[in-house]
């Protein structure tokens, strides 16, 4: 696995999901939050973004059996997902979708 992390973005050679820094406005020295493509409505800390990218890499490179199976990867997935406040199966389901499936819906045009 290879997550590349720089000052403003996280990418991977194993998944198309990415994370981007999201500066908080109206601060002299703004704190930064991160957004990950498979959790588009969540603002994460840098460490949580790394965790989310790790989940995305594992999901895109591992063939999963059903939750509760004897596959030991579920112990890791469940632990990482708990760091994000979600369940392992929810994390796998969301990270399994391509980034474009998480894109916000375009605003409907208002008829005049």
PDB file of N, CA and C in Angstrom:
ATOM      1  N   UNK A   1       0.847  -1.172   0.000  1.00  0.00           N
ATOM      2  CA  UNK A   1       0.000   0.000   0.000  1.00  0.00           C
ATOM      3  C   UNK A   1       0.891   1.234   0.000  1.00  0.00           C
ATOM      4  N   UNK A   2       0.395   2.242  -0.658  1.00  0.00           N
ATOM      5  CA  UNK A   2       1.188   3.448  -0.755  1.00  0.00           C
ATOM      6  C   UNK A   2       0.288   4.680  -0.775  1.00  0.00           C
ATOM      7  N   UNK A   3       0.125   5.304   0.375  1.00  0.00           N
ATOM      8  CA  UNK A   3      -0.618   6.554   0.451  1.00  0.00           C
ATOM      9  C   UNK A   3       0.407   7.675   0.416  1.00  0.00           C
ATOM     10  N   UNK A   4       0.243   8.559  -0.556  1.00  0.00           N
ATOM     11  CA  UNK A   4       1.121   9.720  -0.662  1.00  0.00           C
ATOM     12  C   UNK A   4       0.437  10.897   0.029  1.00  0.00           C
ATOM     13  N   UNK A   5       1.145  11.494   0.964  1.00  0.00           N
ATOM     14  CA  UNK A   5       0.580  12.589   1.744  1.00  0.00           C
ATOM     15  C   UNK A   5       1.454  13.820   1.549  1.00  0.00           C
ATOM     16  N   UNK A   6       0.828  14.908   1.119  1.00  0.00           N
ATOM     17  CA  UNK A   6       1.548  16.175   1.098  1.00  0.00           C
ATOM     18  C   UNK A   6       0.749  17.188   1.905  1.00  0.00           C
ATOM     19  N   UNK A   7       1.097  18.434   1.822  1.00  0.00           N
ATOM     20  CA  UNK A   7       0.476  19.444   2.674  1.00  0.00           C
ATOM     21  C   UNK A   7      -1.014  19.615   2.431  1.00  0.00           C
ATOM     22  N   UNK A   8      -1.489  19.326   1.232  1.00  0.00           N
ATOM     23  CA  UNK A   8      -2.887  19.618   0.913  1.00  0.00           C
ATOM     24  C   UNK A   8      -3.679  18.443   0.368  1.00  0.00           C
ATOM     25  N   UNK A   9      -3.034  17.294   0.150  1.00  0.00           N
ATOM     26  CA  UNK A   9      -3.764  16.201  -0.475  1.00  0.00           C
ATOM     27  C   UNK A   9      -3.157  14.855  -0.122  1.00  0.00           C
ATOM     28  N   UNK A  10      -4.018  13.832  -0.171  1.00  0.00           N
ATOM     29  CA  UNK A  10      -3.586  12.448   0.004  1.00  0.00           C
ATOM     30  C   UNK A  10      -4.098  11.663  -1.189  1.00  0.00           C
ATOM     31  N   UNK A  11      -3.209  10.889  -1.787  1.00  0.00           N
ATOM     32  CA  UNK A  11      -3.568  10.046  -2.926  1.00  0.00           C
ATOM     33  C   UNK A  11      -2.979   8.664  -2.706  1.00  0.00           C
ATOM     34  N   UNK A  12      -3.375   7.746  -3.567  1.00  0.00           N
ATOM     35  CA  UNK A  12      -2.924   6.366  -3.443  1.00  0.00           C
ATOM     36  C   UNK A  12      -2.742   5.760  -4.825  1.00  0.00           C
ATOM     37  N   UNK A  13      -1.847   4.813  -4.918  1.00  0.00           N
ATOM     38  CA  UNK A  13      -1.708   4.075  -6.168  1.00  0.00           C
ATOM     39  C   UNK A  13      -2.600   2.835  -6.188  1.00  0.00           C
ATOM     40  N   UNK A  14      -3.388   2.643  -5.129  1.00  0.00           N
ATOM     41  CA  UNK A  14      -4.251   1.465  -5.020  1.00  0.00           C
ATOM     42  C   UNK A  14      -5.739   1.768  -5.117  1.00  0.00           C
ATOM     43  N   UNK A  15      -6.119   3.020  -4.968  1.00  0.00           N
ATOM     44  CA  UNK A  15      -7.526   3.396  -5.023  1.00  0.00           C
ATOM     45  C   UNK A  15      -7.651   4.757  -5.682  1.00  0.00           C
ATOM     46  N   UNK A  16      -8.804   5.016  -6.263  1.00  0.00           N
ATOM     47  CA  UNK A  16      -9.056   6.326  -6.852  1.00  0.00           C
ATOM     48  C   UNK A  16      -9.550   7.330  -5.823  1.00  0.00           C
ATOM     49  N   UNK A  17      -9.858   6.882  -4.619  1.00  0.00           N
ATOM     50  CA  UNK A  17     -10.277   7.807  -3.574  1.00  0.00           C
ATOM     51  C   UNK A  17      -9.114   8.702  -3.183  1.00  0.00           C
ATOM     52  N   UNK A  18      -9.437   9.922  -2.820  1.00  0.00           N
ATOM     53  CA  UNK A  18      -8.436  10.895  -2.400  1.00  0.00           C
ATOM     54  C   UNK A  18      -8.934  11.634  -1.162  1.00  0.00           C
ATOM     55  N   UNK A  19      -8.023  12.359  -0.535  1.00  0.00           N
ATOM     56  CA  UNK A  19      -8.369  13.245   0.572  1.00  0.00           C
ATOM     57  C   UNK A  19      -7.784  14.610   0.244  1.00  0.00           C
ATOM     58  N   UNK A  20      -8.518  15.648   0.618  1.00  0.00           N
ATOM     59  CA  UNK A  20      -8.049  17.006   0.366  1.00  0.00           C
ATOM     60  C   UNK A  20      -8.196  17.846   1.624  1.00  0.00           C
ATOM     61  N   UNK A  21      -7.221  18.698   1.838  1.00  0.00           N
ATOM     62  CA  UNK A  21      -7.257  19.602   2.979  1.00  0.00           C
ATOM     63  C   UNK A  21      -8.385  20.600   2.777  1.00  0.00           C
ATOM     64  N   UNK A  22      -9.037  20.935   3.863  1.00  0.00           N
ATOM     65  CA  UNK A  22     -10.170  21.850   3.826  1.00  0.00           C
ATOM     66  C   UNK A  22      -9.910  22.919   4.887  1.00  0.00           C
ATOM     67  N   UNK A  23      -9.305  24.062   4.497  1.00  0.00           N
ATOM     68  CA  UNK A  23      -9.020  25.074   5.512  1.00  0.00           C
ATOM     69  C   UNK A  23     -10.295  25.650   6.109  1.00  0.00           C
ATOM     70  N   UNK A  24     -10.258  25.914   7.375  1.00  0.00           N
ATOM     71  CA  UNK A  24     -11.395  26.519   8.054  1.00  0.00           C
ATOM     72  C   UNK A  24     -11.262  28.035   7.894  1.00  0.00           C
ATOM     73  N   UNK A  25     -12.253  28.694   7.296  1.00  0.00           N
ATOM     74  CA  UNK A  25     -12.133  30.134   7.038  1.00  0.00           C
ATOM     75  C   UNK A  25     -12.213  30.976   8.311  1.00  0.00           C
ATOM     76  N   UNK A  26     -11.828  32.239   8.166  1.00  0.00           N
ATOM     77  CA  UNK A  26     -11.951  33.250   9.215  1.00  0.00           C
ATOM     78  C   UNK A  26     -11.058  33.011  10.430  1.00  0.00           C
ATOM     79  N   UNK A  27      -9.925  32.406  10.211  1.00  0.00           N
ATOM     80  CA  UNK A  27      -8.933  32.246  11.265  1.00  0.00           C
ATOM     81  C   UNK A  27      -7.613  32.796  10.752  1.00  0.00           C
ATOM     82  N   UNK A  28      -6.853  33.458  11.649  1.00  0.00           N
ATOM     83  CA  UNK A  28      -5.556  33.973  11.244  1.00  0.00           C
ATOM     84  C   UNK A  28      -4.622  32.834  10.849  1.00  0.00           C
ATOM     85  N   UNK A  29      -4.527  31.842  11.682  1.00  0.00           N
ATOM     86  CA  UNK A  29      -3.757  30.631  11.386  1.00  0.00           C
ATOM     87  C   UNK A  29      -4.772  29.499  11.349  1.00  0.00           C
ATOM     88  N   UNK A  30      -5.394  29.301  10.181  1.00  0.00           N
ATOM     89  CA  UNK A  30      -6.531  28.380  10.140  1.00  0.00           C
ATOM     90  C   UNK A  30      -6.182  26.936  10.478  1.00  0.00           C
ATOM     91  N   UNK A  31      -6.998  26.333  11.318  1.00  0.00           N
ATOM     92  CA  UNK A  31      -6.866  24.886  11.489  1.00  0.00           C
ATOM     93  C   UNK A  31      -7.324  24.223  10.194  1.00  0.00           C
ATOM     94  N   UNK A  32      -6.867  23.054   9.961  1.00  0.00           N
ATOM     95  CA  UNK A  32      -7.291  22.384   8.736  1.00  0.00           C
ATOM     96  C   UNK A  32      -8.065  21.126   9.059  1.00  0.00           C
ATOM     97  N   UNK A  33      -9.043  20.896   8.253  1.00  0.00           N
ATOM     98  CA  UNK A  33      -9.789  19.652   8.279  1.00  0.00           C
ATOM     99  C   UNK A  33      -9.573  19.004   6.925  1.00  0.00           C
ATOM    100  N   UNK A  34      -9.988  17.764   6.812  1.00  0.00           N
ATOM    101  CA  UNK A  34      -9.792  17.013   5.579  1.00  0.00           C
ATOM    102  C   UNK A  34     -11.113  16.425   5.129  1.00  0.00           C
ATOM    103  N   UNK A  35     -11.278  16.310   3.818  1.00  0.00           N
ATOM    104  CA  UNK A  35     -12.436  15.619   3.244  1.00  0.00           C
ATOM    105  C   UNK A  35     -11.918  14.469   2.395  1.00  0.00           C
ATOM    106  N   UNK A  36     -12.557  13.324   2.550  1.00  0.00           N
ATOM    107  CA  UNK A  36     -12.196  12.122   1.798  1.00  0.00           C
ATOM    108  C   UNK A  36     -13.343  11.816   0.853  1.00  0.00           C
ATOM    109  N   UNK A  37     -13.017  11.403  -0.360  1.00  0.00           N
ATOM    110  CA  UNK A  37     -14.059  11.240  -1.384  1.00  0.00           C
ATOM    111  C   UNK A  37     -15.133  10.233  -0.997  1.00  0.00           C
ATOM    112  N   UNK A  38     -14.815   9.220  -0.223  1.00  0.00           N
ATOM    113  CA  UNK A  38     -15.872   8.251   0.110  1.00  0.00           C
ATOM    114  C   UNK A  38     -16.649   8.647   1.364  1.00  0.00           C
ATOM    115  N   UNK A  39     -16.264   9.747   2.001  1.00  0.00           N
ATOM    116  CA  UNK A  39     -17.008  10.320   3.130  1.00  0.00           C
ATOM    117  C   UNK A  39     -17.206  11.815   2.868  1.00  0.00           C
ATOM    118  N   UNK A  40     -17.870  12.171   1.779  1.00  0.00           N
ATOM    119  CA  UNK A  40     -17.892  13.575   1.343  1.00  0.00           C
ATOM    120  C   UNK A  40     -18.583  14.544   2.300  1.00  0.00           C
ATOM    121  N   UNK A  41     -19.452  14.065   3.153  1.00  0.00           N
ATOM    122  CA  UNK A  41     -20.176  14.955   4.058  1.00  0.00           C
ATOM    123  C   UNK A  41     -19.528  15.057   5.434  1.00  0.00           C
ATOM    124  N   UNK A  42     -18.354  14.477   5.575  1.00  0.00           N
ATOM    125  CA  UNK A  42     -17.663  14.473   6.864  1.00  0.00           C
ATOM    126  C   UNK A  42     -16.388  15.299   6.781  1.00  0.00           C
ATOM    127  N   UNK A  43     -16.119  16.044   7.829  1.00  0.00           N
ATOM    128  CA  UNK A  43     -14.855  16.754   7.961  1.00  0.00           C
ATOM    129  C   UNK A  43     -14.020  15.983   8.965  1.00  0.00           C
ATOM    130  N   UNK A  44     -12.802  15.631   8.585  1.00  0.00           N
ATOM    131  CA  UNK A  44     -11.971  14.754   9.384  1.00  0.00           C
ATOM    132  C   UNK A  44     -10.681  15.450   9.804  1.00  0.00           C
ATOM    133  N   UNK A  45     -10.077  14.937  10.855  1.00  0.00           N
ATOM    134  CA  UNK A  45      -8.728  15.368  11.203  1.00  0.00           C
ATOM    135  C   UNK A  45      -7.764  14.726  10.210  1.00  0.00           C
ATOM    136  N   UNK A  46      -6.528  15.172  10.235  1.00  0.00           N
ATOM    137  CA  UNK A  46      -5.522  14.580   9.342  1.00  0.00           C
ATOM    138  C   UNK A  46      -5.383  13.085   9.618  1.00  0.00           C
ATOM    139  N   UNK A  47      -5.315  12.706  10.890  1.00  0.00           N
ATOM    140  CA  UNK A  47      -5.171  11.288  11.225  1.00  0.00           C
ATOM    141  C   UNK A  47      -6.383  10.474  10.780  1.00  0.00           C
ATOM    142  N   UNK A  48      -7.588  11.028  10.938  1.00  0.00           N
ATOM    143  CA  UNK A  48      -8.783  10.329  10.468  1.00  0.00           C
ATOM    144  C   UNK A  48      -8.761  10.184   8.946  1.00  0.00           C
ATOM    145  N   UNK A  49      -8.276  11.195   8.244  1.00  0.00           N
ATOM    146  CA  UNK A  49      -8.185  11.108   6.782  1.00  0.00           C
ATOM    147  C   UNK A  49      -7.215   9.997   6.372  1.00  0.00           C
ATOM    148  N   UNK A  50      -6.113   9.872   7.083  1.00  0.00           N
ATOM    149  CA  UNK A  50      -5.166   8.784   6.803  1.00  0.00           C
ATOM    150  C   UNK A  50      -5.847   7.437   7.051  1.00  0.00           C
ATOM    151  N   UNK A  51      -6.609   7.336   8.127  1.00  0.00           N
ATOM    152  CA  UNK A  51      -7.351   6.103   8.413  1.00  0.00           C
ATOM    153  C   UNK A  51      -8.342   5.806   7.295  1.00  0.00           C
ATOM    154  N   UNK A  52      -9.075   6.822   6.855  1.00  0.00           N
ATOM    155  CA  UNK A  52     -10.058   6.628   5.778  1.00  0.00           C
ATOM    156  C   UNK A  52      -9.373   6.204   4.487  1.00  0.00           C
ATOM    157  N   UNK A  53      -8.218   6.771   4.193  1.00  0.00           N
ATOM    158  CA  UNK A  53      -7.484   6.373   2.988  1.00  0.00           C
ATOM    159  C   UNK A  53      -6.960   4.944   3.124  1.00  0.00           C
ATOM    160  N   UNK A  54      -6.561   4.556   4.331  1.00  0.00           N
ATOM    161  CA  UNK A  54      -6.122   3.179   4.559  1.00  0.00           C
ATOM    162  C   UNK A  54      -7.269   2.211   4.302  1.00  0.00           C
ATOM    163  N   UNK A  55      -8.449   2.539   4.809  1.00  0.00           N
ATOM    164  CA  UNK A  55      -9.628   1.700   4.558  1.00  0.00           C
ATOM    165  C   UNK A  55      -9.870   1.594   3.051  1.00  0.00           C
ATOM    166  N   UNK A  56      -9.822   2.713   2.352  1.00  0.00           N
ATOM    167  CA  UNK A  56     -10.076   2.701   0.905  1.00  0.00           C
ATOM    168  C   UNK A  56      -9.077   1.805   0.183  1.00  0.00           C
ATOM    169  N   UNK A  57      -7.813   1.884   0.562  1.00  0.00           N
ATOM    170  CA  UNK A  57      -6.810   1.024  -0.074  1.00  0.00           C
ATOM    171  C   UNK A  57      -7.100  -0.452   0.177  1.00  0.00           C
ATOM    172  N   UNK A  58      -7.399  -0.786   1.418  1.00  0.00           N
ATOM    173  CA  UNK A  58      -7.669  -2.192   1.747  1.00  0.00           C
ATOM    174  C   UNK A  58      -8.904  -2.677   1.004  1.00  0.00           C
ATOM    175  N   UNK A  59      -9.938  -1.863   0.957  1.00  0.00           N
ATOM    176  CA  UNK A  59     -11.174  -2.257   0.280  1.00  0.00           C
ATOM    177  C   UNK A  59     -10.922  -2.511  -1.199  1.00  0.00           C
ATOM    178  N   UNK A  60     -10.119  -1.669  -1.825  1.00  0.00           N
ATOM    179  CA  UNK A  60      -9.890  -1.806  -3.266  1.00  0.00           C
ATOM    180  C   UNK A  60      -8.893  -2.898  -3.608  1.00  0.00           C
ATOM    181  N   UNK A  61      -8.199  -3.462  -2.607  1.00  0.00           N
ATOM    182  CA  UNK A  61      -7.209  -4.499  -2.900  1.00  0.00           C
ATOM    183  C   UNK A  61      -7.524  -5.845  -2.258  1.00  0.00           C
ATOM    184  N   UNK A  62      -8.593  -5.926  -1.482  1.00  0.00           N
ATOM    185  CA  UNK A  62      -8.911  -7.152  -0.757  1.00  0.00           C
ATOM    186  C   UNK A  62     -10.273  -7.671  -1.192  1.00  0.00           C
ATOM    187  N   UNK A  63     -10.379  -8.964  -1.376  1.00  0.00           N
ATOM    188  CA  UNK A  63     -11.679  -9.563  -1.674  1.00  0.00           C
ATOM    189  C   UNK A  63     -12.349  -9.905  -0.351  1.00  0.00           C
ATOM    190  N   UNK A  64     -13.454  -9.236  -0.093  1.00  0.00           N
ATOM    191  CA  UNK A  64     -14.116  -9.377   1.195  1.00  0.00           C
ATOM    192  C   UNK A  64     -15.156 -10.475   1.190  1.00  0.00           C
ATOM    193  N   UNK A  65     -15.185 -11.173   2.304  1.00  0.00           N
ATOM    194  CA  UNK A  65     -16.293 -12.068   2.587  1.00  0.00           C
ATOM    195  C   UNK A  65     -17.273 -11.260   3.424  1.00  0.00           C
ATOM    196  N   UNK A  66     -18.384 -11.826   3.750  1.00  0.00           N
ATOM    197  CA  UNK A  66     -19.402 -11.108   4.515  1.00  0.00           C
ATOM    198  C   UNK A  66     -18.878 -10.730   5.897  1.00  0.00           C
ATOM    199  N   UNK A  67     -19.413  -9.624   6.460  1.00  0.00           N
ATOM    200  CA  UNK A  67     -19.018  -9.263   7.819  1.00  0.00           C
ATOM    201  C   UNK A  67     -19.287 -10.431   8.772  1.00  0.00           C
ATOM    202  N   UNK A  68     -18.425 -10.585   9.727  1.00  0.00           N
ATOM    203  CA  UNK A  68     -18.582 -11.686  10.674  1.00  0.00           C
ATOM    204  C   UNK A  68     -17.915 -12.963  10.195  1.00  0.00           C
ATOM    205  N   UNK A  69     -17.365 -12.937   8.978  1.00  0.00           N
ATOM    206  CA  UNK A  69     -16.660 -14.125   8.505  1.00  0.00           C
ATOM    207  C   UNK A  69     -15.361 -14.266   9.294  1.00  0.00           C
ATOM    208  N   UNK A  70     -14.670 -15.326   9.081  1.00  0.00           N
ATOM    209  CA  UNK A  70     -13.428 -15.582   9.805  1.00  0.00           C
ATOM    210  C   UNK A  70     -12.244 -14.800   9.223  1.00  0.00           C
ATOM    211  N   UNK A  71     -12.468 -14.048   8.179  1.00  0.00           N
ATOM    212  CA  UNK A  71     -11.390 -13.276   7.562  1.00  0.00           C
ATOM    213  C   UNK A  71     -10.847 -12.277   8.580  1.00  0.00           C
ATOM    214  N   UNK A  72      -9.563 -12.359   8.936  1.00  0.00           N
ATOM    215  CA  UNK A  72      -9.013 -11.480   9.970  1.00  0.00           C
ATOM    216  C   UNK A  72      -8.981 -10.003   9.576  1.00  0.00           C
ATOM    217  N   UNK A  73      -9.144  -9.688   8.321  1.00  0.00           N
ATOM    218  CA  UNK A  73      -9.134  -8.283   7.915  1.00  0.00           C
ATOM    219  C   UNK A  73     -10.270  -7.516   8.572  1.00  0.00           C
ATOM    220  N   UNK A  74     -11.373  -8.212   8.904  1.00  0.00           N
ATOM    221  CA  UNK A  74     -12.502  -7.533   9.536  1.00  0.00           C
ATOM    222  C   UNK A  74     -12.133  -6.927  10.888  1.00  0.00           C
ATOM    223  N   UNK A  75     -11.211  -7.548  11.610  1.00  0.00           N
ATOM    224  CA  UNK A  75     -10.772  -6.961  12.883  1.00  0.00           C
ATOM    225  C   UNK A  75     -10.152  -5.588  12.647  1.00  0.00           C
ATOM    226  N   UNK A  76      -9.362  -5.475  11.593  1.00  0.00           N
ATOM    227  CA  UNK A  76      -8.730  -4.200  11.267  1.00  0.00           C
ATOM    228  C   UNK A  76      -9.754  -3.195  10.754  1.00  0.00           C
ATOM    229  N   UNK A  77     -10.586  -3.635   9.824  1.00  0.00           N
ATOM    230  CA  UNK A  77     -11.596  -2.739   9.249  1.00  0.00           C
ATOM    231  C   UNK A  77     -12.511  -2.193  10.347  1.00  0.00           C
ATOM    232  N   UNK A  78     -12.974  -3.072  11.231  1.00  0.00           N
ATOM    233  CA  UNK A  78     -13.858  -2.631  12.315  1.00  0.00           C
ATOM    234  C   UNK A  78     -13.155  -1.607  13.220  1.00  0.00           C
ATOM    235  N   UNK A  79     -11.898  -1.843  13.526  1.00  0.00           N
ATOM    236  CA  UNK A  79     -11.147  -0.916  14.372  1.00  0.00           C
ATOM    237  C   UNK A  79     -10.933   0.426  13.701  1.00  0.00           C
ATOM    238  N   UNK A  80     -10.527   0.408  12.418  1.00  0.00           N
ATOM    239  CA  UNK A  80     -10.317   1.661  11.691  1.00  0.00           C
ATOM    240  C   UNK A  80     -11.628   2.422  11.548  1.00  0.00           C
ATOM    241  N   UNK A  81     -12.684   1.698  11.209  1.00  0.00           N
ATOM    242  CA  UNK A  81     -13.986   2.358  11.030  1.00  0.00           C
ATOM    243  C   UNK A  81     -14.456   2.995  12.337  1.00  0.00           C
ATOM    244  N   UNK A  82     -14.197   2.329  13.458  1.00  0.00           N
ATOM    245  CA  UNK A  82     -14.589   2.888  14.755  1.00  0.00           C
ATOM    246  C   UNK A  82     -13.896   4.230  15.000  1.00  0.00           C
ATOM    247  N   UNK A  83     -12.669   4.382  14.509  1.00  0.00           N
ATOM    248  CA  UNK A  83     -11.971   5.662  14.630  1.00  0.00           C
ATOM    249  C   UNK A  83     -12.716   6.768  13.888  1.00  0.00           C
ATOM    250  N   UNK A  84     -13.506   6.390  12.886  1.00  0.00           N
ATOM    251  CA  UNK A  84     -14.269   7.356  12.096  1.00  0.00           C
ATOM    252  C   UNK A  84     -15.716   7.468  12.565  1.00  0.00           C
ATOM    253  N   UNK A  85     -16.077   6.683  13.575  1.00  0.00           N
ATOM    254  CA  UNK A  85     -17.434   6.726  14.107  1.00  0.00           C
ATOM    255  C   UNK A  85     -18.458   6.000  13.257  1.00  0.00           C
ATOM    256  N   UNK A  86     -17.994   5.019  12.472  1.00  0.00           N
ATOM    257  CA  UNK A  86     -18.903   4.217  11.641  1.00  0.00           C
ATOM    258  C   UNK A  86     -18.570   2.741  11.844  1.00  0.00           C
ATOM    259  N   UNK A  87     -19.386   1.877  11.275  1.00  0.00           N
ATOM    260  CA  UNK A  87     -19.134   0.440  11.390  1.00  0.00           C
ATOM    261  C   UNK A  87     -18.253  -0.041  10.244  1.00  0.00           C
ATOM    262  N   UNK A  88     -17.634  -1.186  10.450  1.00  0.00           N
ATOM    263  CA  UNK A  88     -16.819  -1.784   9.409  1.00  0.00           C
ATOM    264  C   UNK A  88     -17.599  -2.057   8.127  1.00  0.00           C
ATOM    265  N   UNK A  89     -18.778  -2.706   8.219  1.00  0.00           N
ATOM    266  CA  UNK A  89     -19.540  -2.949   7.001  1.00  0.00           C
ATOM    267  C   UNK A  89     -19.938  -1.660   6.274  1.00  0.00           C
ATOM    268  N   UNK A  90     -20.266  -0.617   7.035  1.00  0.00           N
ATOM    269  CA  UNK A  90     -20.606   0.662   6.400  1.00  0.00           C
ATOM    270  C   UNK A  90     -19.390   1.233   5.680  1.00  0.00           C
ATOM    271  N   UNK A  91     -18.220   1.174   6.312  1.00  0.00           N
ATOM    272  CA  UNK A  91     -16.992   1.671   5.686  1.00  0.00           C
ATOM    273  C   UNK A  91     -16.689   0.917   4.402  1.00  0.00           C
ATOM    274  N   UNK A  92     -16.811  -0.402   4.435  1.00  0.00           N
ATOM    275  CA  UNK A  92     -16.531  -1.205   3.241  1.00  0.00           C
ATOM    276  C   UNK A  92     -17.522  -0.878   2.124  1.00  0.00           C
ATOM    277  N   UNK A  93     -18.792  -0.751   2.483  1.00  0.00           N
ATOM    278  CA  UNK A  93     -19.803  -0.436   1.466  1.00  0.00           C
ATOM    279  C   UNK A  93     -19.522   0.908   0.804  1.00  0.00           C
ATOM    280  N   UNK A  94     -19.205   1.926   1.588  1.00  0.00           N
ATOM    281  CA  UNK A  94     -18.966   3.263   1.037  1.00  0.00           C
ATOM    282  C   UNK A  94     -17.652   3.335   0.268  1.00  0.00           C
ATOM    283  N   UNK A  95     -16.589   2.762   0.818  1.00  0.00           N
ATOM    284  CA  UNK A  95     -15.286   2.821   0.158  1.00  0.00           C
ATOM    285  C   UNK A  95     -15.242   1.949  -1.091  1.00  0.00           C
ATOM    286  N   UNK A  96     -16.187   1.009  -1.215  1.00  0.00           N
ATOM    287  CA  UNK A  96     -16.249   0.157  -2.407  1.00  0.00           C
ATOM    288  C   UNK A  96     -16.777   0.901  -3.623  1.00  0.00           C
ATOM    289  N   UNK A  97     -17.512   1.963  -3.382  1.00  0.00           N
ATOM    290  CA  UNK A  97     -18.056   2.746  -4.491  1.00  0.00           C
ATOM    291  C   UNK A  97     -16.990   3.671  -5.048  1.00  0.00           C
ATOM    292  N   UNK A  98     -17.010   3.921  -6.348  1.00  0.00           N
ATOM    293  CA  UNK A  98     -16.029   4.845  -6.920  1.00  0.00           C
ATOM    294  C   UNK A  98     -16.307   6.281  -6.471  1.00  0.00           C
ATOM    295  N   UNK A  99     -15.295   7.129  -6.508  1.00  0.00           N
ATOM    296  CA  UNK A  99     -15.469   8.514  -6.040  1.00  0.00           C
ATOM    297  C   UNK A  99     -16.642   9.248  -6.675  1.00  0.00           C
ATOM    298  N   UNK A 100     -16.875   9.030  -7.951  1.00  0.00           N
ATOM    299  CA  UNK A 100     -17.964   9.763  -8.620  1.00  0.00           C
ATOM    300  C   UNK A 100     -19.345   9.390  -8.075  1.00  0.00           C
ATOM    301  N   UNK A 101     -19.473   8.222  -7.463  1.00  0.00           N
ATOM    302  CA  UNK A 101     -20.750   7.844  -6.853  1.00  0.00           C
ATOM    303  C   UNK A 101     -21.010   8.591  -5.544  1.00  0.00           C
ATOM    304  N   UNK A 102     -19.993   9.261  -5.043  1.00  0.00           N
ATOM    305  CA  UNK A 102     -20.133  10.038  -3.814  1.00  0.00           C
ATOM    306  C   UNK A 102     -20.216  11.533  -4.091  1.00  0.00           C
ATOM    307  N   UNK A 103     -20.091  11.921  -5.344  1.00  0.00           N
ATOM    308  CA  UNK A 103     -20.119  13.345  -5.685  1.00  0.00           C
ATOM    309  C   UNK A 103     -21.477  13.931  -5.358  1.00  0.00           C
ATOM    310  N   UNK A 104     -21.496  15.174  -4.897  1.00  0.00           N
ATOM    311  CA  UNK A 104     -22.787  15.793  -4.592  1.00  0.00           C
ATOM    312  C   UNK A 104     -23.625  15.938  -5.851  1.00  0.00           C
ATOM    313  N   UNK A 105     -24.905  15.810  -5.660  1.00  0.00           N
ATOM    314  CA  UNK A 105     -25.828  15.976  -6.775  1.00  0.00           C
ATOM    315  C   UNK A 105     -25.805  17.436  -7.226  1.00  0.00           C
ATOM    316  N   UNK A 106     -25.824  17.679  -8.540  1.00  0.00           N
ATOM    317  CA  UNK A 106     -25.876  19.079  -8.984  1.00  0.00           C
ATOM    318  C   UNK A 106     -27.187  19.717  -8.539  1.00  0.00           C
ATOM    319  N   UNK A 107     -27.094  20.964  -8.176  1.00  0.00           N
ATOM    320  CA  UNK A 107     -28.302  21.678  -7.738  1.00  0.00           C
ATOM    321  C   UNK A 107     -29.307  21.748  -8.884  1.00  0.00           C
ATOM    322  N   UNK A 108     -30.539  21.495  -8.566  1.00  0.00           N
ATOM    323  CA  UNK A 108     -31.585  21.550  -9.591  1.00  0.00           C
ATOM    324  C   UNK A 108     -31.797  22.990 -10.002  1.00  0.00           C
ATOM    325  N   UNK A 109     -31.935  23.191 -11.267  1.00  0.00           N
ATOM    326  CA  UNK A 109     -32.192  24.556 -11.740  1.00  0.00           C
ATOM    327  C   UNK A 109     -33.625  24.937 -11.426  1.00  0.00           C
ATOM    328  N   UNK A 110     -33.796  26.166 -11.016  1.00  0.00           N
ATOM    329  CA  UNK A 110     -35.124  26.656 -10.677  1.00  0.00           C
ATOM    330  C   UNK A 110     -35.775  27.186 -11.945  1.00  0.00           C
ATOM    331  N   UNK A 111     -36.949  26.661 -12.239  1.00  0.00           N
ATOM    332  CA  UNK A 111     -37.677  27.126 -13.435  1.00  0.00           C
ATOM    333  C   UNK A 111     -38.187  28.535 -13.199  1.00  0.00           C
ATOM    334  N   UNK A 112     -38.043  29.346 -14.192  1.00  0.00           N
ATOM    335  CA  UNK A 112     -38.535  30.737 -14.075  1.00  0.00           C
ATOM    336  C   UNK A 112     -39.808  30.892 -14.818  1.00  0.00           C
TER     337      UNK A 112
END
